[in-house]
Amino acid sequence: MTHVWLVDRQFDSKGLVRLTYATTDGERVHIKELAERRLVMGDGVTAGRDVDGNALGETDPEDVERFKREATRMAAEHDPDDTV
């Protein structure tokens, strides 16, 4: 398992939310999509999560530094189970 931190959240016009979690080096990402309605009715979004290494992809080179900064900030300011 690899620990990742929330670095980006995007909403689309179809009611989907795309959550991007990244490793603190910004090199690897995990994308999770879910219905916006599920966020409202569920437990929310956590600051961090553990994912299987096979569920990680490579970060677009243009996003590595931004994801590294955001993942490091989230790790410093939040516990993994914090709702953000």
PDB file of N, CA and C in Angstrom:
ATOM      1  N   MET A   1       0.834  -1.179   0.000  1.00  0.00           N
ATOM      2  CA  MET A   1       0.000   0.000   0.000  1.00  0.00           C
ATOM      3  C   MET A   1       0.881   1.247   0.000  1.00  0.00           C
ATOM      4  N   THR A   2       0.392   2.266  -0.671  1.00  0.00           N
ATOM      5  CA  THR A   2       1.100   3.541  -0.767  1.00  0.00           C
ATOM      6  C   THR A   2       0.182   4.639  -0.253  1.00  0.00           C
ATOM      7  N   HIS A   3       0.737   5.536   0.548  1.00  0.00           N
ATOM      8  CA  HIS A   3      -0.082   6.618   1.078  1.00  0.00           C
ATOM      9  C   HIS A   3      -0.045   7.801   0.110  1.00  0.00           C
ATOM     10  N   VAL A   4      -1.224   8.345  -0.174  1.00  0.00           N
ATOM     11  CA  VAL A   4      -1.356   9.503  -1.066  1.00  0.00           C
ATOM     12  C   VAL A   4      -2.203  10.565  -0.373  1.00  0.00           C
ATOM     13  N   TRP A   5      -2.074  11.802  -0.852  1.00  0.00           N
ATOM     14  CA  TRP A   5      -2.758  12.956  -0.276  1.00  0.00           C
ATOM     15  C   TRP A   5      -3.560  13.679  -1.351  1.00  0.00           C
ATOM     16  N   LEU A   6      -4.699  14.235  -0.945  1.00  0.00           N
ATOM     17  CA  LEU A   6      -5.558  14.962  -1.885  1.00  0.00           C
ATOM     18  C   LEU A   6      -4.840  16.206  -2.385  1.00  0.00           C
ATOM     19  N   VAL A   7      -4.740  16.336  -3.709  1.00  0.00           N
ATOM     20  CA  VAL A   7      -4.054  17.487  -4.300  1.00  0.00           C
ATOM     21  C   VAL A   7      -4.930  18.275  -5.258  1.00  0.00           C
ATOM     22  N   ASP A   8      -6.057  17.701  -5.686  1.00  0.00           N
ATOM     23  CA  ASP A   8      -6.916  18.406  -6.644  1.00  0.00           C
ATOM     24  C   ASP A   8      -8.317  17.823  -6.592  1.00  0.00           C
ATOM     25  N   ARG A   9      -9.293  18.699  -6.812  1.00  0.00           N
ATOM     26  CA  ARG A   9     -10.702  18.291  -6.827  1.00  0.00           C
ATOM     27  C   ARG A   9     -11.363  19.078  -7.949  1.00  0.00           C
ATOM     28  N   GLN A  10     -11.961  18.359  -8.907  1.00  0.00           N
ATOM     29  CA  GLN A  10     -12.611  19.011 -10.041  1.00  0.00           C
ATOM     30  C   GLN A  10     -14.041  18.510 -10.174  1.00  0.00           C
ATOM     31  N   PHE A  11     -14.943  19.446 -10.455  1.00  0.00           N
ATOM     32  CA  PHE A  11     -16.350  19.127 -10.659  1.00  0.00           C
ATOM     33  C   PHE A  11     -16.665  19.290 -12.140  1.00  0.00           C
ATOM     34  N   ASP A  12     -17.470  18.380 -12.686  1.00  0.00           N
ATOM     35  CA  ASP A  12     -17.858  18.542 -14.082  1.00  0.00           C
ATOM     36  C   ASP A  12     -19.354  18.827 -14.184  1.00  0.00           C
ATOM     37  N   SER A  13     -19.790  19.119 -15.390  1.00  0.00           N
ATOM     38  CA  SER A  13     -21.187  19.502 -15.618  1.00  0.00           C
ATOM     39  C   SER A  13     -22.152  18.325 -15.505  1.00  0.00           C
ATOM     40  N   LYS A  14     -21.639  17.118 -15.410  1.00  0.00           N
ATOM     41  CA  LYS A  14     -22.492  15.928 -15.315  1.00  0.00           C
ATOM     42  C   LYS A  14     -22.682  15.466 -13.874  1.00  0.00           C
ATOM     43  N   GLY A  15     -22.214  16.257 -12.918  1.00  0.00           N
ATOM     44  CA  GLY A  15     -22.380  15.911 -11.515  1.00  0.00           C
ATOM     45  C   GLY A  15     -21.340  14.951 -10.979  1.00  0.00           C
ATOM     46  N   LEU A  16     -20.214  14.826 -11.672  1.00  0.00           N
ATOM     47  CA  LEU A  16     -19.124  13.976 -11.196  1.00  0.00           C
ATOM     48  C   LEU A  16     -18.033  14.823 -10.558  1.00  0.00           C
ATOM     49  N   VAL A  17     -17.383  14.250  -9.572  1.00  0.00           N
ATOM     50  CA  VAL A  17     -16.242  14.884  -8.923  1.00  0.00           C
ATOM     51  C   VAL A  17     -15.029  14.008  -9.172  1.00  0.00           C
ATOM     52  N   ARG A  18     -13.969  14.634  -9.624  1.00  0.00           N
ATOM     53  CA  ARG A  18     -12.720  13.909  -9.863  1.00  0.00           C
ATOM     54  C   ARG A  18     -11.742  14.329  -8.776  1.00  0.00           C
ATOM     55  N   LEU A  19     -11.370  13.371  -7.942  1.00  0.00           N
ATOM     56  CA  LEU A  19     -10.429  13.605  -6.855  1.00  0.00           C
ATOM     57  C   LEU A  19      -9.066  13.069  -7.265  1.00  0.00           C
ATOM     58  N   THR A  20      -8.053  13.883  -7.133  1.00  0.00           N
ATOM     59  CA  THR A  20      -6.693  13.454  -7.449  1.00  0.00           C
ATOM     60  C   THR A  20      -5.888  13.430  -6.166  1.00  0.00           C
ATOM     61  N   TYR A  21      -5.342  12.272  -5.867  1.00  0.00           N
ATOM     62  CA  TYR A  21      -4.456  12.075  -4.722  1.00  0.00           C
ATOM     63  C   TYR A  21      -3.061  11.820  -5.274  1.00  0.00           C
ATOM     64  N   ALA A  22      -2.035  12.327  -4.590  1.00  0.00           N
ATOM     65  CA  ALA A  22      -0.658  12.137  -5.070  1.00  0.00           C
ATOM     66  C   ALA A  22       0.272  11.789  -3.921  1.00  0.00           C
ATOM     67  N   THR A  23       1.379  11.153  -4.283  1.00  0.00           N
ATOM     68  CA  THR A  23       2.441  10.886  -3.319  1.00  0.00           C
ATOM     69  C   THR A  23       3.132  12.211  -2.987  1.00  0.00           C
ATOM     70  N   THR A  24       3.833  12.267  -1.872  1.00  0.00           N
ATOM     71  CA  THR A  24       4.460  13.524  -1.465  1.00  0.00           C
ATOM     72  C   THR A  24       5.603  13.965  -2.382  1.00  0.00           C
ATOM     73  N   ASP A  25       6.086  13.068  -3.231  1.00  0.00           N
ATOM     74  CA  ASP A  25       7.097  13.486  -4.211  1.00  0.00           C
ATOM     75  C   ASP A  25       6.443  13.991  -5.496  1.00  0.00           C
ATOM     76  N   GLY A  26       5.103  13.890  -5.569  1.00  0.00           N
ATOM     77  CA  GLY A  26       4.363  14.374  -6.731  1.00  0.00           C
ATOM     78  C   GLY A  26       4.438  13.499  -7.962  1.00  0.00           C
ATOM     79  N   GLU A  27       5.172  12.414  -7.897  1.00  0.00           N
ATOM     80  CA  GLU A  27       5.439  11.586  -9.074  1.00  0.00           C
ATOM     81  C   GLU A  27       4.315  10.612  -9.438  1.00  0.00           C
ATOM     82  N   ARG A  28       3.539  10.189  -8.447  1.00  0.00           N
ATOM     83  CA  ARG A  28       2.510   9.168  -8.685  1.00  0.00           C
ATOM     84  C   ARG A  28       1.155   9.690  -8.223  1.00  0.00           C
ATOM     85  N   VAL A  29       0.100   9.323  -8.965  1.00  0.00           N
ATOM     86  CA  VAL A  29      -1.245   9.799  -8.641  1.00  0.00           C
ATOM     87  C   VAL A  29      -2.253   8.665  -8.611  1.00  0.00           C
ATOM     88  N   HIS A  30      -3.313   8.927  -7.879  1.00  0.00           N
ATOM     89  CA  HIS A  30      -4.480   8.036  -7.845  1.00  0.00           C
ATOM     90  C   HIS A  30      -5.693   8.921  -8.103  1.00  0.00           C
ATOM     91  N   ILE A  31      -6.474   8.578  -9.113  1.00  0.00           N
ATOM     92  CA  ILE A  31      -7.660   9.344  -9.486  1.00  0.00           C
ATOM     93  C   ILE A  31      -8.898   8.567  -9.048  1.00  0.00           C
ATOM     94  N   LYS A  32      -9.808   9.274  -8.402  1.00  0.00           N
ATOM     95  CA  LYS A  32     -11.068   8.665  -7.977  1.00  0.00           C
ATOM     96  C   LYS A  32     -12.200   9.564  -8.468  1.00  0.00           C
ATOM     97  N   GLU A  33     -13.160   8.975  -9.160  1.00  0.00           N
ATOM     98  CA  GLU A  33     -14.322   9.733  -9.620  1.00  0.00           C
ATOM     99  C   GLU A  33     -15.561   9.216  -8.914  1.00  0.00           C
ATOM    100  N   LEU A  34     -16.392  10.143  -8.473  1.00  0.00           N
ATOM    101  CA  LEU A  34     -17.639   9.740  -7.846  1.00  0.00           C
ATOM    102  C   LEU A  34     -18.687  10.817  -8.078  1.00  0.00           C
ATOM    103  N   ALA A  35     -19.925  10.432  -7.878  1.00  0.00           N
ATOM    104  CA  ALA A  35     -21.024  11.365  -8.068  1.00  0.00           C
ATOM    105  C   ALA A  35     -20.979  12.430  -6.988  1.00  0.00           C
ATOM    106  N   GLU A  36     -21.199  13.682  -7.396  1.00  0.00           N
ATOM    107  CA  GLU A  36     -21.208  14.795  -6.451  1.00  0.00           C
ATOM    108  C   GLU A  36     -22.230  14.544  -5.334  1.00  0.00           C
ATOM    109  N   ARG A  37     -23.325  13.957  -5.684  1.00  0.00           N
ATOM    110  CA  ARG A  37     -24.381  13.638  -4.716  1.00  0.00           C
ATOM    111  C   ARG A  37     -23.849  12.721  -3.607  1.00  0.00           C
ATOM    112  N   ARG A  38     -22.969  11.825  -3.980  1.00  0.00           N
ATOM    113  CA  ARG A  38     -22.395  10.903  -3.005  1.00  0.00           C
ATOM    114  C   ARG A  38     -21.532  11.632  -1.974  1.00  0.00           C
ATOM    115  N   LEU A  39     -20.892  12.723  -2.402  1.00  0.00           N
ATOM    116  CA  LEU A  39     -20.105  13.522  -1.468  1.00  0.00           C
ATOM    117  C   LEU A  39     -21.008  14.156  -0.418  1.00  0.00           C
ATOM    118  N   VAL A  40     -22.121  14.663  -0.865  1.00  0.00           N
ATOM    119  CA  VAL A  40     -23.048  15.345   0.038  1.00  0.00           C
ATOM    120  C   VAL A  40     -23.656  14.361   1.025  1.00  0.00           C
ATOM    121  N   MET A  41     -24.007  13.174   0.562  1.00  0.00           N
ATOM    122  CA  MET A  41     -24.681  12.203   1.401  1.00  0.00           C
ATOM    123  C   MET A  41     -23.721  11.264   2.124  1.00  0.00           C
ATOM    124  N   GLY A  42     -22.467  11.254   1.714  1.00  0.00           N
ATOM    125  CA  GLY A  42     -21.502  10.332   2.311  1.00  0.00           C
ATOM    126  C   GLY A  42     -20.719  10.965   3.438  1.00  0.00           C
ATOM    127  N   ASP A  43     -19.547  10.399   3.691  1.00  0.00           N
ATOM    128  CA  ASP A  43     -18.696  10.852   4.787  1.00  0.00           C
ATOM    129  C   ASP A  43     -17.746  11.970   4.375  1.00  0.00           C
ATOM    130  N   GLY A  44     -17.820  12.412   3.132  1.00  0.00           N
ATOM    131  CA  GLY A  44     -16.938  13.467   2.652  1.00  0.00           C
ATOM    132  C   GLY A  44     -15.654  12.915   2.054  1.00  0.00           C
ATOM    133  N   VAL A  45     -14.725  13.809   1.854  1.00  0.00           N
ATOM    134  CA  VAL A  45     -13.449  13.482   1.230  1.00  0.00           C
ATOM    135  C   VAL A  45     -12.360  13.562   2.288  1.00  0.00           C
ATOM    136  N   THR A  46     -11.519  12.547   2.357  1.00  0.00           N
ATOM    137  CA  THR A  46     -10.438  12.554   3.340  1.00  0.00           C
ATOM    138  C   THR A  46      -9.167  13.166   2.754  1.00  0.00           C
ATOM    139  N   ALA A  47      -8.347  13.705   3.643  1.00  0.00           N
ATOM    140  CA  ALA A  47      -7.094  14.347   3.239  1.00  0.00           C
ATOM    141  C   ALA A  47      -6.119  13.350   2.626  1.00  0.00           C
ATOM    142  N   GLY A  48      -6.139  12.130   3.116  1.00  0.00           N
ATOM    143  CA  GLY A  48      -5.218  11.119   2.612  1.00  0.00           C
ATOM    144  C   GLY A  48      -5.879   9.769   2.541  1.00  0.00           C
ATOM    145  N   ARG A  49      -5.197   8.863   1.886  1.00  0.00           N
ATOM    146  CA  ARG A  49      -5.704   7.496   1.793  1.00  0.00           C
ATOM    147  C   ARG A  49      -4.573   6.561   1.400  1.00  0.00           C
ATOM    148  N   ASP A  50      -4.748   5.284   1.710  1.00  0.00           N
ATOM    149  CA  ASP A  50      -3.800   4.254   1.291  1.00  0.00           C
ATOM    150  C   ASP A  50      -4.364   3.561   0.066  1.00  0.00           C
ATOM    151  N   VAL A  51      -3.553   3.419  -0.962  1.00  0.00           N
ATOM    152  CA  VAL A  51      -3.987   2.741  -2.179  1.00  0.00           C
ATOM    153  C   VAL A  51      -2.954   1.703  -2.589  1.00  0.00           C
ATOM    154  N   ASP A  52      -3.424   0.702  -3.262  1.00  0.00           N
ATOM    155  CA  ASP A  52      -2.538  -0.325  -3.802  1.00  0.00           C
ATOM    156  C   ASP A  52      -1.621   0.315  -4.842  1.00  0.00           C
ATOM    157  N   GLY A  53      -0.365  -0.066  -4.845  1.00  0.00           N
ATOM    158  CA  GLY A  53       0.594   0.466  -5.809  1.00  0.00           C
ATOM    159  C   GLY A  53       0.159   0.298  -7.248  1.00  0.00           C
ATOM    160  N   ASN A  54      -0.613  -0.756  -7.539  1.00  0.00           N
ATOM    161  CA  ASN A  54      -1.101  -0.985  -8.894  1.00  0.00           C
ATOM    162  C   ASN A  54      -2.158   0.037  -9.311  1.00  0.00           C
ATOM    163  N   ALA A  55      -2.731   0.754  -8.333  1.00  0.00           N
ATOM    164  CA  ALA A  55      -3.770   1.744  -8.628  1.00  0.00           C
ATOM    165  C   ALA A  55      -3.177   3.141  -8.844  1.00  0.00           C
ATOM    166  N   LEU A  56      -1.852   3.239  -8.854  1.00  0.00           N
ATOM    167  CA  LEU A  56      -1.194   4.525  -9.058  1.00  0.00           C
ATOM    168  C   LEU A  56      -0.743   4.693 -10.495  1.00  0.00           C
ATOM    169  N   GLY A  57      -0.893   5.902 -10.989  1.00  0.00           N
ATOM    170  CA  GLY A  57      -0.405   6.227 -12.323  1.00  0.00           C
ATOM    171  C   GLY A  57       0.695   7.266 -12.221  1.00  0.00           C
ATOM    172  N   GLU A  58       1.300   7.545 -13.349  1.00  0.00           N
ATOM    173  CA  GLU A  58       2.347   8.566 -13.386  1.00  0.00           C
ATOM    174  C   GLU A  58       1.699   9.938 -13.520  1.00  0.00           C
ATOM    175  N   THR A  59       2.258  10.900 -12.823  1.00  0.00           N
ATOM    176  CA  THR A  59       1.774  12.277 -12.895  1.00  0.00           C
ATOM    177  C   THR A  59       2.252  12.916 -14.188  1.00  0.00           C
ATOM    178  N   ASP A  60       1.380  13.712 -14.792  1.00  0.00           N
ATOM    179  CA  ASP A  60       1.773  14.508 -15.950  1.00  0.00           C
ATOM    180  C   ASP A  60       2.955  15.380 -15.504  1.00  0.00           C
ATOM    181  N   PRO A  61       4.041  15.406 -16.281  1.00  0.00           N
ATOM    182  CA  PRO A  61       5.223  16.177 -15.879  1.00  0.00           C
ATOM    183  C   PRO A  61       4.919  17.633 -15.516  1.00  0.00           C
ATOM    184  N   GLU A  62       3.922  18.230 -16.148  1.00  0.00           N
ATOM    185  CA  GLU A  62       3.568  19.618 -15.852  1.00  0.00           C
ATOM    186  C   GLU A  62       2.977  19.788 -14.452  1.00  0.00           C
ATOM    187  N   ASP A  63       2.464  18.701 -13.859  1.00  0.00           N
ATOM    188  CA  ASP A  63       1.806  18.775 -12.559  1.00  0.00           C
ATOM    189  C   ASP A  63       2.658  18.295 -11.391  1.00  0.00           C
ATOM    190  N   VAL A  64       3.808  17.713 -11.648  1.00  0.00           N
ATOM    191  CA  VAL A  64       4.610  17.090 -10.589  1.00  0.00           C
ATOM    192  C   VAL A  64       4.935  18.069  -9.465  1.00  0.00           C
ATOM    193  N   GLU A  65       5.466  19.224  -9.770  1.00  0.00           N
ATOM    194  CA  GLU A  65       5.863  20.170  -8.721  1.00  0.00           C
ATOM    195  C   GLU A  65       4.661  20.682  -7.944  1.00  0.00           C
ATOM    196  N   ARG A  66       3.567  20.985  -8.625  1.00  0.00           N
ATOM    197  CA  ARG A  66       2.357  21.461  -7.955  1.00  0.00           C
ATOM    198  C   ARG A  66       1.804  20.390  -7.031  1.00  0.00           C
ATOM    199  N   PHE A  67       1.737  19.136  -7.510  1.00  0.00           N
ATOM    200  CA  PHE A  67       1.235  18.037  -6.688  1.00  0.00           C
ATOM    201  C   PHE A  67       2.170  17.756  -5.516  1.00  0.00           C
ATOM    202  N   LYS A  68       3.465  17.882  -5.738  1.00  0.00           N
ATOM    203  CA  LYS A  68       4.428  17.688  -4.656  1.00  0.00           C
ATOM    204  C   LYS A  68       4.198  18.712  -3.549  1.00  0.00           C
ATOM    205  N   ARG A  69       4.047  19.983  -3.936  1.00  0.00           N
ATOM    206  CA  ARG A  69       3.803  21.040  -2.941  1.00  0.00           C
ATOM    207  C   ARG A  69       2.499  20.800  -2.186  1.00  0.00           C
ATOM    208  N   GLU A  70       1.436  20.471  -2.915  1.00  0.00           N
ATOM    209  CA  GLU A  70       0.129  20.301  -2.285  1.00  0.00           C
ATOM    210  C   GLU A  70       0.088  19.056  -1.407  1.00  0.00           C
ATOM    211  N   ALA A  71       0.661  17.951  -1.849  1.00  0.00           N
ATOM    212  CA  ALA A  71       0.672  16.723  -1.048  1.00  0.00           C
ATOM    213  C   ALA A  71       1.489  16.931   0.230  1.00  0.00           C
ATOM    214  N   THR A  72       2.605  17.612   0.118  1.00  0.00           N
ATOM    215  CA  THR A  72       3.438  17.892   1.282  1.00  0.00           C
ATOM    216  C   THR A  72       2.700  18.798   2.264  1.00  0.00           C
ATOM    217  N   ARG A  73       1.997  19.802   1.752  1.00  0.00           N
ATOM    218  CA  ARG A  73       1.223  20.707   2.601  1.00  0.00           C
ATOM    219  C   ARG A  73       0.101  19.953   3.313  1.00  0.00           C
ATOM    220  N   MET A  74      -0.628  19.122   2.566  1.00  0.00           N
ATOM    221  CA  MET A  74      -1.721  18.355   3.164  1.00  0.00           C
ATOM    222  C   MET A  74      -1.194  17.423   4.255  1.00  0.00           C
ATOM    223  N   ALA A  75      -0.065  16.775   4.010  1.00  0.00           N
ATOM    224  CA  ALA A  75       0.523  15.861   4.995  1.00  0.00           C
ATOM    225  C   ALA A  75       0.930  16.608   6.259  1.00  0.00           C
ATOM    226  N   ALA A  76       1.397  17.850   6.109  1.00  0.00           N
ATOM    227  CA  ALA A  76       1.835  18.635   7.264  1.00  0.00           C
ATOM    228  C   ALA A  76       0.656  19.190   8.064  1.00  0.00           C
ATOM    229  N   GLU A  77      -0.448  19.478   7.387  1.00  0.00           N
ATOM    230  CA  GLU A  77      -1.571  20.153   8.042  1.00  0.00           C
ATOM    231  C   GLU A  77      -2.719  19.238   8.467  1.00  0.00           C
ATOM    232  N   HIS A  78      -2.753  18.008   7.960  1.00  0.00           N
ATOM    233  CA  HIS A  78      -3.909  17.140   8.210  1.00  0.00           C
ATOM    234  C   HIS A  78      -3.491  15.721   8.584  1.00  0.00           C
ATOM    235  N   ASP A  79      -4.363  15.072   9.345  1.00  0.00           N
ATOM    236  CA  ASP A  79      -4.269  13.634   9.526  1.00  0.00           C
ATOM    237  C   ASP A  79      -4.936  13.013   8.298  1.00  0.00           C
ATOM    238  N   PRO A  80      -4.533  11.809   7.917  1.00  0.00           N
ATOM    239  CA  PRO A  80      -5.114  11.190   6.721  1.00  0.00           C
ATOM    240  C   PRO A  80      -6.643  11.092   6.745  1.00  0.00           C
ATOM    241  N   ASP A  81      -7.226  10.871   7.921  1.00  0.00           N
ATOM    242  CA  ASP A  81      -8.677  10.694   8.005  1.00  0.00           C
ATOM    243  C   ASP A  81      -9.455  11.991   8.149  1.00  0.00           C
ATOM    244  N   ASP A  82      -8.764  13.140   8.173  1.00  0.00           N
ATOM    245  CA  ASP A  82      -9.465  14.420   8.247  1.00  0.00           C
ATOM    246  C   ASP A  82     -10.340  14.609   7.027  1.00  0.00           C
ATOM    247  N   THR A  83     -11.538  15.117   7.237  1.00  0.00           N
ATOM    248  CA  THR A  83     -12.419  15.445   6.118  1.00  0.00           C
ATOM    249  C   THR A  83     -12.046  16.828   5.621  1.00  0.00           C
ATOM    250  N   VAL A  84     -11.832  16.933   4.325  1.00  0.00           N
ATOM    251  CA  VAL A  84     -11.438  18.226   3.726  1.00  0.00           C
ATOM    252  C   VAL A  84     -12.359  18.601   2.577  1.00  0.00           C
TER     253      VAL A  84
END
